[in-house]
Amino acid sequence: MASPNKAIREVLNELRSVGEISNAAVVSRSGMLIDGDAPENVHMETFGAMMAIMLGAAETATSESNETLLHIDIELTTTHLILMGAGQRILLAAFIDEAANRLKALV
């Protein structure tokens, strides 16, 4: 059986093999980077913490809406940053090319 980190790395590599995804990271819900990368010059510890805070805040803000938060789409100049829960303990953050079908790239 593969170790959890090896399995996570394999999933991240598979995501990156999709042409539209430039960077992807798995982060704990408490903000610790588990594995992955982000664009150059991004401080990974800060990135991980902020991803967890943003997803947690969105889940809290929508918790009484009788709807389930599927993902957060942050539109940047040339890319989109997609955040989504990946279970109770981790989340996925992925930078996706502006021209890509964002949701299809992650499915």
PDB file of N, CA and C in Angstrom:
ATOM      1  N   MET A   1       0.846  -1.190   0.000  1.00  0.00           N
ATOM      2  CA  MET A   1       0.000   0.000   0.000  1.00  0.00           C
ATOM      3  C   MET A   1       0.884   1.244   0.000  1.00  0.00           C
ATOM      4  N   ALA A   2       0.556   2.213  -0.839  1.00  0.00           N
ATOM      5  CA  ALA A   2       1.339   3.440  -0.937  1.00  0.00           C
ATOM      6  C   ALA A   2       1.126   4.298   0.301  1.00  0.00           C
ATOM      7  N   SER A   3       2.177   5.038   0.669  1.00  0.00           N
ATOM      8  CA  SER A   3       2.040   5.946   1.802  1.00  0.00           C
ATOM      9  C   SER A   3       1.096   7.080   1.409  1.00  0.00           C
ATOM     10  N   PRO A   4       0.450   7.705   2.402  1.00  0.00           N
ATOM     11  CA  PRO A   4      -0.475   8.800   2.077  1.00  0.00           C
ATOM     12  C   PRO A   4       0.197   9.914   1.279  1.00  0.00           C
ATOM     13  N   ASN A   5       1.437  10.287   1.668  1.00  0.00           N
ATOM     14  CA  ASN A   5       2.106  11.364   0.940  1.00  0.00           C
ATOM     15  C   ASN A   5       2.429  10.959  -0.489  1.00  0.00           C
ATOM     16  N   LYS A   6       2.811   9.707  -0.702  1.00  0.00           N
ATOM     17  CA  LYS A   6       3.089   9.247  -2.060  1.00  0.00           C
ATOM     18  C   LYS A   6       1.811   9.260  -2.886  1.00  0.00           C
ATOM     19  N   ALA A   7       0.714   8.827  -2.297  1.00  0.00           N
ATOM     20  CA  ALA A   7      -0.572   8.839  -3.003  1.00  0.00           C
ATOM     21  C   ALA A   7      -0.996  10.269  -3.335  1.00  0.00           C
ATOM     22  N   ILE A   8      -0.800  11.187  -2.404  1.00  0.00           N
ATOM     23  CA  ILE A   8      -1.135  12.597  -2.643  1.00  0.00           C
ATOM     24  C   ILE A   8      -0.265  13.147  -3.761  1.00  0.00           C
ATOM     25  N   ARG A   9       1.020  12.850  -3.731  1.00  0.00           N
ATOM     26  CA  ARG A   9       1.931  13.339  -4.776  1.00  0.00           C
ATOM     27  C   ARG A   9       1.509  12.806  -6.145  1.00  0.00           C
ATOM     28  N   GLU A  10       1.084  11.547  -6.203  1.00  0.00           N
ATOM     29  CA  GLU A  10       0.636  10.972  -7.477  1.00  0.00           C
ATOM     30  C   GLU A  10      -0.604  11.694  -7.998  1.00  0.00           C
ATOM     31  N   VAL A  11      -1.535  12.009  -7.099  1.00  0.00           N
ATOM     32  CA  VAL A  11      -2.735  12.746  -7.507  1.00  0.00           C
ATOM     33  C   VAL A  11      -2.361  14.141  -7.998  1.00  0.00           C
ATOM     34  N   LEU A  12      -1.469  14.822  -7.290  1.00  0.00           N
ATOM     35  CA  LEU A  12      -1.043  16.159  -7.713  1.00  0.00           C
ATOM     36  C   LEU A  12      -0.351  16.106  -9.070  1.00  0.00           C
ATOM     37  N   ASN A  13       0.501  15.117  -9.287  1.00  0.00           N
ATOM     38  CA  ASN A  13       1.171  14.977 -10.583  1.00  0.00           C
ATOM     39  C   ASN A  13       0.164  14.719 -11.697  1.00  0.00           C
ATOM     40  N   GLU A  14      -0.850  13.930 -11.392  1.00  0.00           N
ATOM     41  CA  GLU A  14      -1.895  13.667 -12.383  1.00  0.00           C
ATOM     42  C   GLU A  14      -2.663  14.947 -12.701  1.00  0.00           C
ATOM     43  N   LEU A  15      -2.967  15.740 -11.682  1.00  0.00           N
ATOM     44  CA  LEU A  15      -3.644  17.021 -11.917  1.00  0.00           C
ATOM     45  C   LEU A  15      -2.793  17.929 -12.794  1.00  0.00           C
ATOM     46  N   ARG A  16      -1.504  18.021 -12.482  1.00  0.00           N
ATOM     47  CA  ARG A  16      -0.618  18.892 -13.250  1.00  0.00           C
ATOM     48  C   ARG A  16      -0.457  18.412 -14.693  1.00  0.00           C
ATOM     49  N   SER A  17      -0.688  17.130 -14.934  1.00  0.00           N
ATOM     50  CA  SER A  17      -0.566  16.620 -16.303  1.00  0.00           C
ATOM     51  C   SER A  17      -1.710  17.119 -17.183  1.00  0.00           C
ATOM     52  N   VAL A  18      -2.779  17.590 -16.556  1.00  0.00           N
ATOM     53  CA  VAL A  18      -3.854  18.245 -17.298  1.00  0.00           C
ATOM     54  C   VAL A  18      -3.302  19.616 -17.674  1.00  0.00           C
ATOM     55  N   GLY A  19      -3.276  19.918 -18.943  1.00  0.00           N
ATOM     56  CA  GLY A  19      -2.604  21.124 -19.412  1.00  0.00           C
ATOM     57  C   GLY A  19      -3.051  22.418 -18.775  1.00  0.00           C
ATOM     58  N   GLU A  20      -4.289  22.490 -18.327  1.00  0.00           N
ATOM     59  CA  GLU A  20      -4.821  23.744 -17.804  1.00  0.00           C
ATOM     60  C   GLU A  20      -4.385  24.045 -16.378  1.00  0.00           C
ATOM     61  N   ILE A  21      -3.908  23.052 -15.648  1.00  0.00           N
ATOM     62  CA  ILE A  21      -3.539  23.241 -14.244  1.00  0.00           C
ATOM     63  C   ILE A  21      -2.038  23.459 -14.147  1.00  0.00           C
ATOM     64  N   SER A  22      -1.644  24.649 -13.693  1.00  0.00           N
ATOM     65  CA  SER A  22      -0.217  24.967 -13.600  1.00  0.00           C
ATOM     66  C   SER A  22       0.369  24.591 -12.249  1.00  0.00           C
ATOM     67  N   ASN A  23      -0.373  24.758 -11.196  1.00  0.00           N
ATOM     68  CA  ASN A  23       0.097  24.459  -9.846  1.00  0.00           C
ATOM     69  C   ASN A  23      -1.060  23.888  -9.050  1.00  0.00           C
ATOM     70  N   ALA A  24      -0.729  23.004  -8.112  1.00  0.00           N
ATOM     71  CA  ALA A  24      -1.760  22.425  -7.249  1.00  0.00           C
ATOM     72  C   ALA A  24      -1.133  22.062  -5.916  1.00  0.00           C
ATOM     73  N   ALA A  25      -1.915  22.191  -4.858  1.00  0.00           N
ATOM     74  CA  ALA A  25      -1.418  21.878  -3.519  1.00  0.00           C
ATOM     75  C   ALA A  25      -2.530  21.264  -2.684  1.00  0.00           C
ATOM     76  N   VAL A  26      -2.125  20.370  -1.807  1.00  0.00           N
ATOM     77  CA  VAL A  26      -3.021  19.804  -0.801  1.00  0.00           C
ATOM     78  C   VAL A  26      -2.613  20.411   0.529  1.00  0.00           C
ATOM     79  N   VAL A  27      -3.599  20.945   1.245  1.00  0.00           N
ATOM     80  CA  VAL A  27      -3.364  21.677   2.486  1.00  0.00           C
ATOM     81  C   VAL A  27      -4.292  21.110   3.553  1.00  0.00           C
ATOM     82  N   SER A  28      -3.811  21.015   4.780  1.00  0.00           N
ATOM     83  CA  SER A  28      -4.692  20.584   5.866  1.00  0.00           C
ATOM     84  C   SER A  28      -5.698  21.689   6.155  1.00  0.00           C
ATOM     85  N   ARG A  29      -6.803  21.326   6.752  1.00  0.00           N
ATOM     86  CA  ARG A  29      -7.818  22.320   7.110  1.00  0.00           C
ATOM     87  C   ARG A  29      -7.295  23.319   8.143  1.00  0.00           C
ATOM     88  N   SER A  30      -6.209  22.972   8.829  1.00  0.00           N
ATOM     89  CA  SER A  30      -5.596  23.912   9.774  1.00  0.00           C
ATOM     90  C   SER A  30      -4.556  24.804   9.100  1.00  0.00           C
ATOM     91  N   GLY A  31      -4.297  24.589   7.807  1.00  0.00           N
ATOM     92  CA  GLY A  31      -3.419  25.477   7.058  1.00  0.00           C
ATOM     93  C   GLY A  31      -2.017  24.970   6.806  1.00  0.00           C
ATOM     94  N   MET A  32      -1.713  23.742   7.174  1.00  0.00           N
ATOM     95  CA  MET A  32      -0.370  23.207   6.952  1.00  0.00           C
ATOM     96  C   MET A  32      -0.280  22.607   5.550  1.00  0.00           C
ATOM     97  N   LEU A  33       0.745  23.003   4.809  1.00  0.00           N
ATOM     98  CA  LEU A  33       0.969  22.438   3.489  1.00  0.00           C
ATOM     99  C   LEU A  33       1.339  20.974   3.633  1.00  0.00           C
ATOM    100  N   ILE A  34       0.617  20.104   2.954  1.00  0.00           N
ATOM    101  CA  ILE A  34       0.911  18.677   2.970  1.00  0.00           C
ATOM    102  C   ILE A  34       1.821  18.333   1.806  1.00  0.00           C
ATOM    103  N   ASP A  35       1.486  18.826   0.622  1.00  0.00           N
ATOM    104  CA  ASP A  35       2.303  18.597  -0.564  1.00  0.00           C
ATOM    105  C   ASP A  35       1.804  19.517  -1.659  1.00  0.00           C
ATOM    106  N   GLY A  36       2.652  19.778  -2.627  1.00  0.00           N
ATOM    107  CA  GLY A  36       2.233  20.566  -3.768  1.00  0.00           C
ATOM    108  C   GLY A  36       3.092  21.783  -3.989  1.00  0.00           C
ATOM    109  N   ASP A  37       2.602  22.641  -4.859  1.00  0.00           N
ATOM    110  CA  ASP A  37       3.346  23.837  -5.216  1.00  0.00           C
ATOM    111  C   ASP A  37       2.377  24.969  -5.528  1.00  0.00           C
ATOM    112  N   ALA A  38       2.958  26.143  -5.725  1.00  0.00           N
ATOM    113  CA  ALA A  38       2.207  27.345  -6.077  1.00  0.00           C
ATOM    114  C   ALA A  38       3.089  28.138  -7.036  1.00  0.00           C
ATOM    115  N   PRO A  39       2.562  29.189  -7.626  1.00  0.00           N
ATOM    116  CA  PRO A  39       3.394  29.989  -8.526  1.00  0.00           C
ATOM    117  C   PRO A  39       4.663  30.497  -7.831  1.00  0.00           C
ATOM    118  N   GLU A  40       5.645  30.787  -8.652  1.00  0.00           N
ATOM    119  CA  GLU A  40       6.932  31.278  -8.156  1.00  0.00           C
ATOM    120  C   GLU A  40       6.737  32.488  -7.243  1.00  0.00           C
ATOM    121  N   ASN A  41       7.574  32.616  -6.253  1.00  0.00           N
ATOM    122  CA  ASN A  41       7.587  33.716  -5.283  1.00  0.00           C
ATOM    123  C   ASN A  41       6.434  33.681  -4.285  1.00  0.00           C
ATOM    124  N   VAL A  42       5.670  32.603  -4.250  1.00  0.00           N
ATOM    125  CA  VAL A  42       4.603  32.463  -3.257  1.00  0.00           C
ATOM    126  C   VAL A  42       5.179  31.773  -2.030  1.00  0.00           C
ATOM    127  N   HIS A  43       5.028  32.378  -0.882  1.00  0.00           N
ATOM    128  CA  HIS A  43       5.494  31.794   0.381  1.00  0.00           C
ATOM    129  C   HIS A  43       4.512  30.694   0.763  1.00  0.00           C
ATOM    130  N   MET A  44       4.940  29.456   0.708  1.00  0.00           N
ATOM    131  CA  MET A  44       4.033  28.316   0.839  1.00  0.00           C
ATOM    132  C   MET A  44       3.344  28.231   2.199  1.00  0.00           C
ATOM    133  N   GLU A  45       4.019  28.595   3.276  1.00  0.00           N
ATOM    134  CA  GLU A  45       3.375  28.527   4.591  1.00  0.00           C
ATOM    135  C   GLU A  45       2.224  29.527   4.680  1.00  0.00           C
ATOM    136  N   THR A  46       2.447  30.734   4.173  1.00  0.00           N
ATOM    137  CA  THR A  46       1.386  31.739   4.158  1.00  0.00           C
ATOM    138  C   THR A  46       0.261  31.309   3.226  1.00  0.00           C
ATOM    139  N   PHE A  47       0.625  30.797   2.072  1.00  0.00           N
ATOM    140  CA  PHE A  47      -0.358  30.324   1.094  1.00  0.00           C
ATOM    141  C   PHE A  47      -1.267  29.265   1.716  1.00  0.00           C
ATOM    142  N   GLY A  48      -0.677  28.270   2.354  1.00  0.00           N
ATOM    143  CA  GLY A  48      -1.464  27.202   2.975  1.00  0.00           C
ATOM    144  C   GLY A  48      -2.415  27.732   4.030  1.00  0.00           C
ATOM    145  N   ALA A  49      -1.913  28.607   4.881  1.00  0.00           N
ATOM    146  CA  ALA A  49      -2.747  29.169   5.944  1.00  0.00           C
ATOM    147  C   ALA A  49      -3.915  29.971   5.373  1.00  0.00           C
ATOM    148  N   MET A  50      -3.643  30.789   4.371  1.00  0.00           N
ATOM    149  CA  MET A  50      -4.701  31.618   3.791  1.00  0.00           C
ATOM    150  C   MET A  50      -5.735  30.778   3.046  1.00  0.00           C
ATOM    151  N   MET A  51      -5.305  29.705   2.381  1.00  0.00           N
ATOM    152  CA  MET A  51      -6.262  28.832   1.687  1.00  0.00           C
ATOM    153  C   MET A  51      -7.229  28.203   2.694  1.00  0.00           C
ATOM    154  N   ALA A  52      -6.692  27.729   3.818  1.00  0.00           N
ATOM    155  CA  ALA A  52      -7.534  27.117   4.851  1.00  0.00           C
ATOM    156  C   ALA A  52      -8.493  28.142   5.456  1.00  0.00           C
ATOM    157  N   ILE A  53      -8.009  29.346   5.691  1.00  0.00           N
ATOM    158  CA  ILE A  53      -8.864  30.397   6.256  1.00  0.00           C
ATOM    159  C   ILE A  53      -9.988  30.758   5.289  1.00  0.00           C
ATOM    160  N   MET A  54      -9.654  30.943   4.009  1.00  0.00           N
ATOM    161  CA  MET A  54     -10.687  31.321   3.033  1.00  0.00           C
ATOM    162  C   MET A  54     -11.751  30.243   2.879  1.00  0.00           C
ATOM    163  N   LEU A  55     -11.326  28.990   2.760  1.00  0.00           N
ATOM    164  CA  LEU A  55     -12.308  27.920   2.600  1.00  0.00           C
ATOM    165  C   LEU A  55     -13.148  27.772   3.867  1.00  0.00           C
ATOM    166  N   GLY A  56     -12.515  27.841   5.027  1.00  0.00           N
ATOM    167  CA  GLY A  56     -13.250  27.741   6.285  1.00  0.00           C
ATOM    168  C   GLY A  56     -14.255  28.868   6.453  1.00  0.00           C
ATOM    169  N   ALA A  57     -13.854  30.086   6.088  1.00  0.00           N
ATOM    170  CA  ALA A  57     -14.765  31.229   6.194  1.00  0.00           C
ATOM    171  C   ALA A  57     -15.951  31.068   5.249  1.00  0.00           C
ATOM    172  N   ALA A  58     -15.699  30.612   4.037  1.00  0.00           N
ATOM    173  CA  ALA A  58     -16.791  30.416   3.079  1.00  0.00           C
ATOM    174  C   ALA A  58     -17.742  29.323   3.550  1.00  0.00           C
ATOM    175  N   GLU A  59     -17.201  28.252   4.098  1.00  0.00           N
ATOM    176  CA  GLU A  59     -18.061  27.178   4.612  1.00  0.00           C
ATOM    177  C   GLU A  59     -18.897  27.660   5.788  1.00  0.00           C
ATOM    178  N   THR A  60     -18.304  28.453   6.663  1.00  0.00           N
ATOM    179  CA  THR A  60     -19.043  28.997   7.800  1.00  0.00           C
ATOM    180  C   THR A  60     -20.129  29.958   7.327  1.00  0.00           C
ATOM    181  N   ALA A  61     -19.786  30.824   6.384  1.00  0.00           N
ATOM    182  CA  ALA A  61     -20.742  31.817   5.890  1.00  0.00           C
ATOM    183  C   ALA A  61     -21.933  31.177   5.195  1.00  0.00           C
ATOM    184  N   THR A  62     -21.735  30.018   4.597  1.00  0.00           N
ATOM    185  CA  THR A  62     -22.821  29.373   3.852  1.00  0.00           C
ATOM    186  C   THR A  62     -23.459  28.209   4.600  1.00  0.00           C
ATOM    187  N   SER A  63     -23.042  27.965   5.824  1.00  0.00           N
ATOM    188  CA  SER A  63     -23.479  26.766   6.551  1.00  0.00           C
ATOM    189  C   SER A  63     -24.979  26.722   6.843  1.00  0.00           C
ATOM    190  N   GLU A  64     -25.626  27.853   6.928  1.00  0.00           N
ATOM    191  CA  GLU A  64     -27.055  27.866   7.241  1.00  0.00           C
ATOM    192  C   GLU A  64     -27.926  28.063   6.008  1.00  0.00           C
ATOM    193  N   SER A  65     -27.356  27.935   4.838  1.00  0.00           N
ATOM    194  CA  SER A  65     -28.088  28.238   3.603  1.00  0.00           C
ATOM    195  C   SER A  65     -28.827  27.053   3.004  1.00  0.00           C
ATOM    196  N   ASN A  66     -28.746  25.885   3.637  1.00  0.00           N
ATOM    197  CA  ASN A  66     -29.327  24.665   3.074  1.00  0.00           C
ATOM    198  C   ASN A  66     -28.710  24.310   1.725  1.00  0.00           C
ATOM    199  N   GLU A  67     -27.518  24.797   1.474  1.00  0.00           N
ATOM    200  CA  GLU A  67     -26.750  24.500   0.267  1.00  0.00           C
ATOM    201  C   GLU A  67     -25.389  23.978   0.708  1.00  0.00           C
ATOM    202  N   THR A  68     -24.724  23.260  -0.175  1.00  0.00           N
ATOM    203  CA  THR A  68     -23.381  22.766   0.108  1.00  0.00           C
ATOM    204  C   THR A  68     -22.383  23.553  -0.725  1.00  0.00           C
ATOM    205  N   LEU A  69     -21.354  24.078  -0.085  1.00  0.00           N
ATOM    206  CA  LEU A  69     -20.297  24.785  -0.801  1.00  0.00           C
ATOM    207  C   LEU A  69     -19.500  23.769  -1.610  1.00  0.00           C
ATOM    208  N   LEU A  70     -19.446  23.951  -2.913  1.00  0.00           N
ATOM    209  CA  LEU A  70     -18.714  23.032  -3.775  1.00  0.00           C
ATOM    210  C   LEU A  70     -17.263  23.458  -3.963  1.00  0.00           C
ATOM    211  N   HIS A  71     -17.063  24.743  -4.217  1.00  0.00           N
ATOM    212  CA  HIS A  71     -15.713  25.260  -4.422  1.00  0.00           C
ATOM    213  C   HIS A  71     -15.739  26.783  -4.351  1.00  0.00           C
ATOM    214  N   ILE A  72     -14.558  27.358  -4.267  1.00  0.00           N
ATOM    215  CA  ILE A  72     -14.386  28.808  -4.354  1.00  0.00           C
ATOM    216  C   ILE A  72     -13.566  29.065  -5.608  1.00  0.00           C
ATOM    217  N   ASP A  73     -13.985  30.009  -6.427  1.00  0.00           N
ATOM    218  CA  ASP A  73     -13.275  30.380  -7.648  1.00  0.00           C
ATOM    219  C   ASP A  73     -12.776  31.812  -7.481  1.00  0.00           C
ATOM    220  N   ILE A  74     -11.478  31.975  -7.374  1.00  0.00           N
ATOM    221  CA  ILE A  74     -10.871  33.293  -7.219  1.00  0.00           C
ATOM    222  C   ILE A  74     -10.292  33.688  -8.571  1.00  0.00           C
ATOM    223  N   GLU A  75     -10.843  34.732  -9.169  1.00  0.00           N
ATOM    224  CA  GLU A  75     -10.406  35.157 -10.498  1.00  0.00           C
ATOM    225  C   GLU A  75      -9.217  36.100 -10.374  1.00  0.00           C
ATOM    226  N   LEU A  76      -8.106  35.704 -10.977  1.00  0.00           N
ATOM    227  CA  LEU A  76      -6.895  36.514 -11.009  1.00  0.00           C
ATOM    228  C   LEU A  76      -6.724  37.077 -12.425  1.00  0.00           C
ATOM    229  N   THR A  77      -5.644  37.782 -12.676  1.00  0.00           N
ATOM    230  CA  THR A  77      -5.445  38.420 -13.972  1.00  0.00           C
ATOM    231  C   THR A  77      -5.421  37.424 -15.122  1.00  0.00           C
ATOM    232  N   THR A  78      -4.637  36.356 -14.988  1.00  0.00           N
ATOM    233  CA  THR A  78      -4.508  35.388 -16.085  1.00  0.00           C
ATOM    234  C   THR A  78      -4.867  33.966 -15.681  1.00  0.00           C
ATOM    235  N   THR A  79      -5.208  33.760 -14.433  1.00  0.00           N
ATOM    236  CA  THR A  79      -5.549  32.424 -13.959  1.00  0.00           C
ATOM    237  C   THR A  79      -6.719  32.506 -12.978  1.00  0.00           C
ATOM    238  N   HIS A  80      -7.188  31.358 -12.596  1.00  0.00           N
ATOM    239  CA  HIS A  80      -8.172  31.239 -11.526  1.00  0.00           C
ATOM    240  C   HIS A  80      -7.566  30.340 -10.461  1.00  0.00           C
ATOM    241  N   LEU A  81      -7.808  30.670  -9.220  1.00  0.00           N
ATOM    242  CA  LEU A  81      -7.422  29.819  -8.098  1.00  0.00           C
ATOM    243  C   LEU A  81      -8.699  29.166  -7.597  1.00  0.00           C
ATOM    244  N   ILE A  82      -8.745  27.850  -7.680  1.00  0.00           N
ATOM    245  CA  ILE A  82      -9.913  27.094  -7.244  1.00  0.00           C
ATOM    246  C   ILE A  82      -9.586  26.422  -5.917  1.00  0.00           C
ATOM    247  N   LEU A  83     -10.447  26.602  -4.926  1.00  0.00           N
ATOM    248  CA  LEU A  83     -10.306  25.947  -3.622  1.00  0.00           C
ATOM    249  C   LEU A  83     -11.495  25.033  -3.421  1.00  0.00           C
ATOM    250  N   MET A  84     -11.219  23.827  -2.955  1.00  0.00           N
ATOM    251  CA  MET A  84     -12.321  22.914  -2.652  1.00  0.00           C
ATOM    252  C   MET A  84     -11.912  21.963  -1.551  1.00  0.00           C
ATOM    253  N   GLY A  85     -12.892  21.599  -0.753  1.00  0.00           N
ATOM    254  CA  GLY A  85     -12.648  20.611   0.276  1.00  0.00           C
ATOM    255  C   GLY A  85     -12.366  19.262  -0.363  1.00  0.00           C
ATOM    256  N   ALA A  86     -11.511  18.490   0.286  1.00  0.00           N
ATOM    257  CA  ALA A  86     -11.176  17.141  -0.187  1.00  0.00           C
ATOM    258  C   ALA A  86     -11.270  16.199   1.005  1.00  0.00           C
ATOM    259  N   GLY A  87     -12.390  16.268   1.684  1.00  0.00           N
ATOM    260  CA  GLY A  87     -12.589  15.493   2.896  1.00  0.00           C
ATOM    261  C   GLY A  87     -12.627  16.403   4.108  1.00  0.00           C
ATOM    262  N   GLN A  88     -12.740  15.798   5.279  1.00  0.00           N
ATOM    263  CA  GLN A  88     -12.859  16.576   6.508  1.00  0.00           C
ATOM    264  C   GLN A  88     -11.545  17.197   6.951  1.00  0.00           C
ATOM    265  N   ARG A  89     -10.421  16.675   6.496  1.00  0.00           N
ATOM    266  CA  ARG A  89      -9.133  17.140   7.008  1.00  0.00           C
ATOM    267  C   ARG A  89      -8.279  17.911   6.017  1.00  0.00           C
ATOM    268  N   ILE A  90      -8.597  17.842   4.731  1.00  0.00           N
ATOM    269  CA  ILE A  90      -7.730  18.493   3.751  1.00  0.00           C
ATOM    270  C   ILE A  90      -8.536  19.260   2.713  1.00  0.00           C
ATOM    271  N   LEU A  91      -7.833  20.113   1.976  1.00  0.00           N
ATOM    272  CA  LEU A  91      -8.415  20.860   0.876  1.00  0.00           C
ATOM    273  C   LEU A  91      -7.446  20.849  -0.290  1.00  0.00           C
ATOM    274  N   LEU A  92      -7.975  21.144  -1.458  1.00  0.00           N
ATOM    275  CA  LEU A  92      -7.183  21.222  -2.673  1.00  0.00           C
ATOM    276  C   LEU A  92      -7.223  22.646  -3.176  1.00  0.00           C
ATOM    277  N   ALA A  93      -6.064  23.173  -3.539  1.00  0.00           N
ATOM    278  CA  ALA A  93      -5.957  24.482  -4.172  1.00  0.00           C
ATOM    279  C   ALA A  93      -5.282  24.272  -5.517  1.00  0.00           C
ATOM    280  N   ALA A  94      -5.868  24.804  -6.584  1.00  0.00           N
ATOM    281  CA  ALA A  94      -5.297  24.617  -7.918  1.00  0.00           C
ATOM    282  C   ALA A  94      -5.375  25.914  -8.706  1.00  0.00           C
ATOM    283  N   PHE A  95      -4.272  26.249  -9.369  1.00  0.00           N
ATOM    284  CA  PHE A  95      -4.223  27.391 -10.275  1.00  0.00           C
ATOM    285  C   PHE A  95      -4.527  26.872 -11.672  1.00  0.00           C
ATOM    286  N   ILE A  96      -5.551  27.439 -12.294  1.00  0.00           N
ATOM    287  CA  ILE A  96      -6.036  26.942 -13.574  1.00  0.00           C
ATOM    288  C   ILE A  96      -6.017  28.079 -14.588  1.00  0.00           C
ATOM    289  N   ASP A  97      -5.573  27.756 -15.793  1.00  0.00           N
ATOM    290  CA  ASP A  97      -5.480  28.715 -16.882  1.00  0.00           C
ATOM    291  C   ASP A  97      -6.818  29.406 -17.121  1.00  0.00           C
ATOM    292  N   GLU A  98      -6.771  30.691 -17.391  1.00  0.00           N
ATOM    293  CA  GLU A  98      -7.973  31.507 -17.609  1.00  0.00           C
ATOM    294  C   GLU A  98      -8.887  30.921 -18.683  1.00  0.00           C
ATOM    295  N   ALA A  99      -8.319  30.405 -19.746  1.00  0.00           N
ATOM    296  CA  ALA A  99      -9.124  29.936 -20.873  1.00  0.00           C
ATOM    297  C   ALA A  99      -9.741  28.561 -20.637  1.00  0.00           C
ATOM    298  N   ALA A 100      -9.319  27.883 -19.607  1.00  0.00           N
ATOM    299  CA  ALA A 100      -9.767  26.505 -19.376  1.00  0.00           C
ATOM    300  C   ALA A 100     -11.188  26.463 -18.828  1.00  0.00           C
ATOM    301  N   ASN A 101     -11.832  25.366 -19.063  1.00  0.00           N
ATOM    302  CA  ASN A 101     -13.089  25.070 -18.390  1.00  0.00           C
ATOM    303  C   ASN A 101     -12.692  24.637 -16.981  1.00  0.00           C
ATOM    304  N   ARG A 102     -12.800  25.525 -16.017  1.00  0.00           N
ATOM    305  CA  ARG A 102     -12.232  25.316 -14.687  1.00  0.00           C
ATOM    306  C   ARG A 102     -12.752  24.066 -13.996  1.00  0.00           C
ATOM    307  N   LEU A 103     -14.017  23.858 -14.021  1.00  0.00           N
ATOM    308  CA  LEU A 103     -14.550  22.707 -13.300  1.00  0.00           C
ATOM    309  C   LEU A 103     -14.204  21.403 -13.999  1.00  0.00           C
ATOM    310  N   LYS A 104     -14.212  21.404 -15.311  1.00  0.00           N
ATOM    311  CA  LYS A 104     -13.865  20.194 -16.058  1.00  0.00           C
ATOM    312  C   LYS A 104     -12.415  19.801 -15.794  1.00  0.00           C
ATOM    313  N   ALA A 105     -11.528  20.771 -15.632  1.00  0.00           N
ATOM    314  CA  ALA A 105     -10.116  20.488 -15.390  1.00  0.00           C
ATOM    315  C   ALA A 105      -9.911  19.732 -14.090  1.00  0.00           C
ATOM    316  N   LEU A 106     -10.777  19.944 -13.110  1.00  0.00           N
ATOM    317  CA  LEU A 106     -10.620  19.294 -11.810  1.00  0.00           C
ATOM    318  C   LEU A 106     -11.390  17.993 -11.682  1.00  0.00           C
ATOM    319  N   VAL A 107     -12.241  17.685 -12.620  1.00  0.00           N
ATOM    320  CA  VAL A 107     -13.039  16.456 -12.525  1.00  0.00           C
ATOM    321  C   VAL A 107     -12.329  15.288 -13.150  1.00  0.00           C
TER     322      VAL A 107
END
